[in-house]
Amino acid sequence: MTEAPEKLSGMYRYTSIARPVDPAYLTNRALLIILPVVALLSAGLSTIGDLGIGPLSAALSGSLTAFAAWALTRELAPDYDGAAFVALAFAWAANIAFGARLVMLLFVAMVLARVVNRSTGLPLRLFDTLSVLGFCAWVATSTQQPLVLLVASLAFFLDARLEEPLRRHYLAAAVCLAVFAWMVADQAPVFAGDLMARDWLALGASALGVLLFVTVNPDPVSYCDVSPRRLNRARVSGGLVVGWLLAVQAVLTHGRSGWLETAIWACLIALLLSFIARQANRMRPHAT
């Protein structure tokens, strides 16, 4: 059982979806040191190079992208601390080299993964549910990516089905489907027509990687934020699948530009590379 609301402290008294970057943890302290360095590097490169934006905008964009990638990867695989920093580096590089400055999809993936995996240890309050619904609908309509709402519907459905289900999320899932249908009826683009065979192969390879990850990876060792209870394996796996589907829908909707319009793929690549490295290390014979 989760803690009663009256025993909660800090922001957890008001929300079940937000998570503070607590400097008491070493990885969080490292992040708080790295982000100002990323901002300075981004501003410097904008000054001496041709990034198309000013130093202040570059600093804000670079640090926000780096933070979002770190936070998303921590939600997709809570036991892979190192992968979050690899994702941070990859995302910042994509931001500088390829202009991957659209961070909204990263934050959508982060909150939807959190809905499913319950990394805080708490089910969403009503205000949290309405906030996530509104945020996903706004991103879907403003970026013309209606498939975001299908993924959001799946996230709410999983939360209504998995351990300690929140049944009202069946209704939230239905609302997402209704808004998706409205966008499609309003002739919002759903599928791009410029994908080539290698794009489909890459999507298939990523699907196999995610499937292998959720199949082989052991039960989580990370704990919920508000209780001495480990995260649920099915919920963590569901959160990863939701994040992957959001990356896939960007490519399906916007075509080949979807690979680089956001750094979400940088997070998935960093995670899968870290997973491969961990499995290779386990299979390597060790001296006794």
Protein backbone atom coordinates (compact mmCIF):
# COMPACT_ATOMS: atom_id res chain seq x y z
CA MET A 1 0.00 0.00 0.00
CA THR A 2 1.15 3.56 -0.64
CA GLU A 3 1.45 6.08 2.15
CA ALA A 4 -1.63 7.95 3.18
CA PRO A 5 -1.75 11.47 1.75
CA GLU A 6 -1.45 13.07 5.20
CA LYS A 7 1.98 11.46 5.68
CA LEU A 8 3.39 12.85 2.46
CA SER A 9 5.76 15.80 2.38
CA GLY A 10 6.84 18.41 -0.11
CA MET A 11 5.12 18.53 -3.48
CA TYR A 12 3.79 14.98 -3.03
CA ARG A 13 1.10 16.48 -0.79
CA TYR A 14 -0.35 18.18 -3.88
CA THR A 15 0.59 16.08 -6.90
CA SER A 16 1.43 12.48 -7.74
CA ILE A 17 3.03 13.19 -11.12
CA ALA A 18 5.78 15.73 -10.42
CA ARG A 19 9.18 14.62 -9.11
CA PRO A 20 11.74 17.00 -7.61
CA VAL A 21 15.43 16.75 -8.52
CA ASP A 22 16.58 16.00 -4.96
CA PRO A 23 20.28 16.95 -4.56
CA ALA A 24 20.57 14.40 -1.75
CA TYR A 25 21.16 11.79 -4.48
CA LEU A 26 24.56 11.66 -6.19
CA THR A 27 23.13 11.36 -9.72
CA ASN A 28 20.92 14.41 -9.15
CA ARG A 29 23.86 16.44 -7.84
CA ALA A 30 25.83 15.45 -10.93
CA LEU A 31 22.95 16.62 -13.13
CA LEU A 32 22.78 19.99 -11.37
CA ILE A 33 26.50 20.46 -12.09
CA ILE A 34 26.31 19.29 -15.69
CA LEU A 35 23.35 21.42 -16.81
CA PRO A 36 25.07 24.82 -16.33
CA VAL A 37 28.09 23.46 -18.21
CA VAL A 38 25.79 22.36 -21.04
CA ALA A 39 24.21 25.82 -21.13
CA LEU A 40 27.61 27.52 -21.34
CA LEU A 41 28.82 25.16 -24.06
CA SER A 42 25.63 25.71 -26.06
CA ALA A 43 25.96 29.48 -25.79
CA GLY A 44 29.64 29.32 -26.74
CA LEU A 45 29.01 27.17 -29.79
CA SER A 46 26.22 29.51 -30.86
CA THR A 47 28.63 32.43 -30.62
CA ILE A 48 31.45 30.88 -32.63
CA GLY A 49 29.32 28.72 -34.95
CA ASP A 50 26.17 29.04 -37.02
CA LEU A 51 23.39 27.38 -35.02
CA GLY A 52 20.70 29.73 -36.28
CA ILE A 53 19.83 30.98 -32.77
CA GLY A 54 21.37 33.43 -30.34
CA PRO A 55 23.58 32.47 -27.36
CA LEU A 56 20.80 32.86 -24.78
CA SER A 57 18.33 30.79 -26.80
CA ALA A 58 21.01 28.18 -27.46
CA ALA A 59 21.83 27.94 -23.75
CA LEU A 60 18.16 27.52 -22.82
CA SER A 61 17.45 25.04 -25.63
CA GLY A 62 20.55 22.97 -24.97
CA SER A 63 20.08 22.70 -21.22
CA LEU A 64 16.33 22.04 -21.49
CA THR A 65 16.85 19.31 -24.08
CA ALA A 66 19.60 17.74 -21.98
CA PHE A 67 17.47 17.79 -18.83
CA ALA A 68 14.38 16.40 -20.59
CA ALA A 69 16.42 13.55 -22.10
CA TRP A 70 17.94 12.69 -18.72
CA ALA A 71 14.56 12.78 -16.96
CA LEU A 72 12.82 10.72 -19.65
CA THR A 73 15.50 8.02 -19.65
CA ARG A 74 15.27 7.78 -15.86
CA GLU A 75 11.54 7.06 -16.28
CA LEU A 76 11.98 4.58 -19.13
CA ALA A 77 14.54 2.51 -17.19
CA PRO A 78 14.86 3.58 -13.54
CA ASP A 79 17.69 1.08 -12.85
CA TYR A 80 19.91 2.51 -15.62
CA ASP A 81 21.40 5.63 -14.01
CA GLY A 82 24.31 5.75 -16.44
CA ALA A 83 22.07 5.52 -19.50
CA ALA A 84 20.36 8.76 -18.48
CA PHE A 85 23.66 10.65 -18.73
CA VAL A 86 24.48 8.99 -22.06
CA ALA A 87 21.05 10.11 -23.29
CA LEU A 88 21.78 13.61 -22.01
CA ALA A 89 24.97 13.73 -24.09
CA PHE A 90 23.31 12.26 -27.19
CA ALA A 91 20.33 14.62 -26.94
CA TRP A 92 22.54 17.67 -26.51
CA ALA A 93 24.63 16.61 -29.50
CA ALA A 94 21.44 16.18 -31.56
CA ASN A 95 20.29 19.61 -30.41
CA ILE A 96 23.54 21.24 -31.53
CA ALA A 97 24.28 19.23 -34.68
CA PHE A 98 20.80 18.56 -36.06
CA GLY A 99 18.60 21.20 -34.46
CA ALA A 100 16.57 18.72 -32.39
CA ARG A 101 15.02 21.46 -30.28
CA LEU A 102 11.40 20.29 -29.94
CA VAL A 103 11.27 19.09 -26.35
CA MET A 104 7.51 18.83 -25.85
CA LEU A 105 7.40 15.21 -27.01
CA LEU A 106 10.10 14.35 -24.48
CA PHE A 107 7.96 15.76 -21.69
CA VAL A 108 4.86 13.97 -22.99
CA ALA A 109 6.79 10.70 -22.98
CA MET A 110 8.07 11.43 -19.48
CA VAL A 111 4.66 12.10 -17.92
CA LEU A 112 2.97 9.20 -19.71
CA ALA A 113 5.74 6.80 -18.65
CA ARG A 114 5.26 8.11 -15.12
CA VAL A 115 1.51 7.51 -15.33
CA VAL A 116 2.21 3.86 -16.10
CA ASN A 117 5.28 3.07 -13.99
CA ARG A 118 4.18 5.10 -10.92
CA SER A 119 7.77 5.95 -10.06
CA THR A 120 6.48 8.29 -7.37
CA GLY A 121 4.64 5.36 -5.78
CA LEU A 122 1.31 7.22 -5.97
CA PRO A 123 -1.71 6.95 -8.28
CA LEU A 124 -2.63 10.15 -10.07
CA ARG A 125 -4.95 12.58 -8.33
CA LEU A 126 -7.89 13.91 -10.33
CA PHE A 127 -6.09 17.19 -11.05
CA ASP A 128 -3.05 15.21 -12.26
CA THR A 129 -5.22 13.19 -14.63
CA LEU A 130 -6.85 16.32 -16.07
CA SER A 131 -3.45 18.01 -16.40
CA VAL A 132 -1.90 15.09 -18.29
CA LEU A 133 -4.99 14.85 -20.51
CA GLY A 134 -4.87 18.54 -21.34
CA PHE A 135 -1.12 18.53 -21.92
CA CYS A 136 -1.26 15.57 -24.32
CA ALA A 137 -4.20 17.06 -26.21
CA TRP A 138 -2.41 20.40 -26.53
CA VAL A 139 0.81 18.82 -27.80
CA ALA A 140 -1.07 16.60 -30.25
CA THR A 141 -3.03 19.51 -31.72
CA SER A 142 -0.22 22.08 -31.70
CA THR A 143 2.30 19.74 -33.35
CA GLN A 144 -0.28 18.02 -35.58
CA GLN A 145 0.59 14.58 -34.21
CA PRO A 146 -2.78 12.93 -33.51
CA LEU A 147 -1.11 9.58 -32.83
CA VAL A 148 0.13 11.08 -29.55
CA LEU A 149 -3.43 10.69 -28.31
CA LEU A 150 -3.51 6.99 -29.18
CA VAL A 151 -0.35 6.47 -27.13
CA ALA A 152 -1.81 8.53 -24.28
CA SER A 153 -4.96 6.39 -24.43
CA LEU A 154 -2.82 3.26 -24.10
CA ALA A 155 -0.96 4.74 -21.12
CA PHE A 156 -4.20 5.51 -19.29
CA PHE A 157 -5.58 2.08 -20.19
CA LEU A 158 -2.49 0.35 -18.78
CA ASP A 159 -2.76 2.33 -15.55
CA ALA A 160 -6.37 1.20 -15.26
CA ARG A 161 -5.39 -2.45 -15.74
CA LEU A 162 -2.07 -3.07 -13.99
CA GLU A 163 -1.32 -3.55 -10.29
CA GLU A 164 -3.44 -1.27 -8.05
CA PRO A 165 -5.48 -0.01 -11.02
CA LEU A 166 -6.96 3.48 -11.19
CA ARG A 167 -10.29 2.72 -12.83
CA ARG A 168 -11.18 6.28 -13.83
CA HIS A 169 -8.35 6.12 -16.34
CA TYR A 170 -10.60 4.01 -18.55
CA LEU A 171 -12.57 7.23 -19.02
CA ALA A 172 -9.36 9.20 -19.62
CA ALA A 173 -8.36 6.66 -22.29
CA ALA A 174 -11.76 7.07 -23.96
CA VAL A 175 -11.41 10.87 -23.96
CA CYS A 176 -8.03 10.56 -25.71
CA LEU A 177 -9.62 8.35 -28.37
CA ALA A 178 -12.43 10.87 -28.84
CA VAL A 179 -10.01 13.77 -29.36
CA PHE A 180 -7.98 11.60 -31.76
CA ALA A 181 -11.13 10.87 -33.79
CA TRP A 182 -11.96 14.59 -33.86
CA MET A 183 -8.47 15.45 -35.15
CA VAL A 184 -8.66 12.79 -37.86
CA ALA A 185 -12.13 13.98 -38.88
CA ASP A 186 -10.65 17.49 -39.08
CA GLN A 187 -8.14 16.06 -41.60
CA ALA A 188 -5.08 16.16 -39.35
CA PRO A 189 -2.17 14.24 -40.94
CA VAL A 190 -1.78 10.74 -39.53
CA PHE A 191 0.75 8.91 -41.70
CA ALA A 192 3.60 10.37 -43.73
CA GLY A 193 4.35 9.02 -47.17
CA ASP A 194 8.11 9.46 -47.38
CA LEU A 195 9.31 6.52 -45.29
CA MET A 196 11.75 4.22 -47.04
CA ALA A 197 12.66 0.58 -46.46
CA ARG A 198 15.56 1.49 -44.18
CA ASP A 199 13.22 3.54 -42.00
CA TRP A 200 10.92 0.55 -41.53
CA LEU A 201 13.94 -1.65 -40.82
CA ALA A 202 15.14 0.80 -38.18
CA LEU A 203 11.69 0.86 -36.56
CA GLY A 204 11.61 -2.93 -36.59
CA ALA A 205 15.09 -3.14 -35.05
CA SER A 206 14.07 -0.75 -32.29
CA ALA A 207 10.96 -2.84 -31.62
CA LEU A 208 13.10 -5.97 -31.24
CA GLY A 209 15.46 -4.10 -28.93
CA VAL A 210 12.64 -2.93 -26.69
CA LEU A 211 11.08 -6.41 -26.68
CA LEU A 212 14.41 -7.94 -25.68
CA PHE A 213 14.86 -5.33 -22.96
CA VAL A 214 11.49 -5.96 -21.30
CA THR A 215 11.91 -9.74 -21.64
CA VAL A 216 15.46 -10.14 -20.36
CA ASN A 217 15.73 -7.32 -17.85
CA PRO A 218 15.26 -8.51 -14.24
CA ASP A 219 12.79 -7.12 -11.74
CA PRO A 220 13.50 -3.46 -10.87
CA VAL A 221 15.67 -2.70 -7.87
CA SER A 222 14.70 0.98 -7.75
CA TYR A 223 12.26 2.12 -5.09
CA CYS A 224 9.21 4.36 -5.28
CA ASP A 225 9.76 7.95 -4.16
CA VAL A 226 7.36 7.86 -1.23
CA SER A 227 7.54 4.29 0.04
CA PRO A 228 10.10 1.53 0.70
CA ARG A 229 8.62 -0.55 -2.11
CA ARG A 230 10.32 -1.53 -5.34
CA LEU A 231 8.82 -0.52 -8.66
CA ASN A 232 6.56 -3.02 -10.39
CA ARG A 233 8.17 -4.78 -13.35
CA ALA A 234 5.04 -4.81 -15.54
CA ARG A 235 4.49 -1.11 -14.94
CA VAL A 236 8.11 -0.19 -15.72
CA SER A 237 7.97 -2.28 -18.91
CA GLY A 238 4.71 -0.60 -19.88
CA GLY A 239 6.25 2.83 -19.38
CA LEU A 240 9.14 1.92 -21.69
CA VAL A 241 6.76 0.67 -24.39
CA VAL A 242 4.76 3.89 -24.15
CA GLY A 243 7.92 5.97 -24.57
CA TRP A 244 8.98 3.91 -27.59
CA LEU A 245 5.54 4.26 -29.19
CA LEU A 246 5.72 8.04 -28.86
CA ALA A 247 9.03 8.00 -30.73
CA VAL A 248 7.55 5.73 -33.40
CA GLN A 249 4.49 7.92 -33.91
CA ALA A 250 6.71 10.95 -34.57
CA VAL A 251 8.29 9.08 -37.48
CA LEU A 252 4.97 7.71 -38.74
CA THR A 253 3.37 11.17 -38.64
CA HIS A 254 6.19 13.44 -39.82
CA GLY A 255 8.13 10.99 -41.91
CA ARG A 256 11.90 10.94 -42.06
CA SER A 257 12.19 14.31 -40.32
CA GLY A 258 10.61 12.63 -37.28
CA TRP A 259 13.91 10.90 -36.50
CA LEU A 260 15.59 14.21 -35.66
CA GLU A 261 12.81 16.64 -34.79
CA THR A 262 13.02 15.58 -31.15
CA ALA A 263 15.70 13.91 -29.03
CA ILE A 264 13.45 11.07 -27.89
CA TRP A 265 15.27 8.63 -30.17
CA ALA A 266 18.56 9.67 -28.51
CA CYS A 267 17.11 8.45 -25.20
CA LEU A 268 16.08 5.09 -26.64
CA ILE A 269 19.43 4.58 -28.40
CA ALA A 270 21.33 5.41 -25.20
CA LEU A 271 19.15 3.01 -23.21
CA LEU A 272 19.49 0.12 -25.66
CA LEU A 273 23.27 0.60 -25.94
CA SER A 274 23.54 0.59 -22.13
CA PHE A 275 21.41 -2.55 -22.02
CA ILE A 276 23.66 -4.30 -24.56
CA ALA A 277 26.76 -3.26 -22.63
CA ARG A 278 25.29 -4.56 -19.37
CA GLN A 279 24.33 -7.90 -20.91
CA ALA A 280 27.76 -8.26 -22.52
CA ASN A 281 29.40 -7.62 -19.16
CA ARG A 282 27.25 -10.27 -17.50
CA MET A 283 28.22 -12.86 -20.11
CA ARG A 284 31.93 -12.07 -19.88
CA PRO A 285 33.81 -14.60 -17.70
CA HIS A 286 35.11 -13.04 -14.50
CA ALA A 287 38.14 -14.13 -12.59
CA THR A 288 37.34 -15.76 -9.26
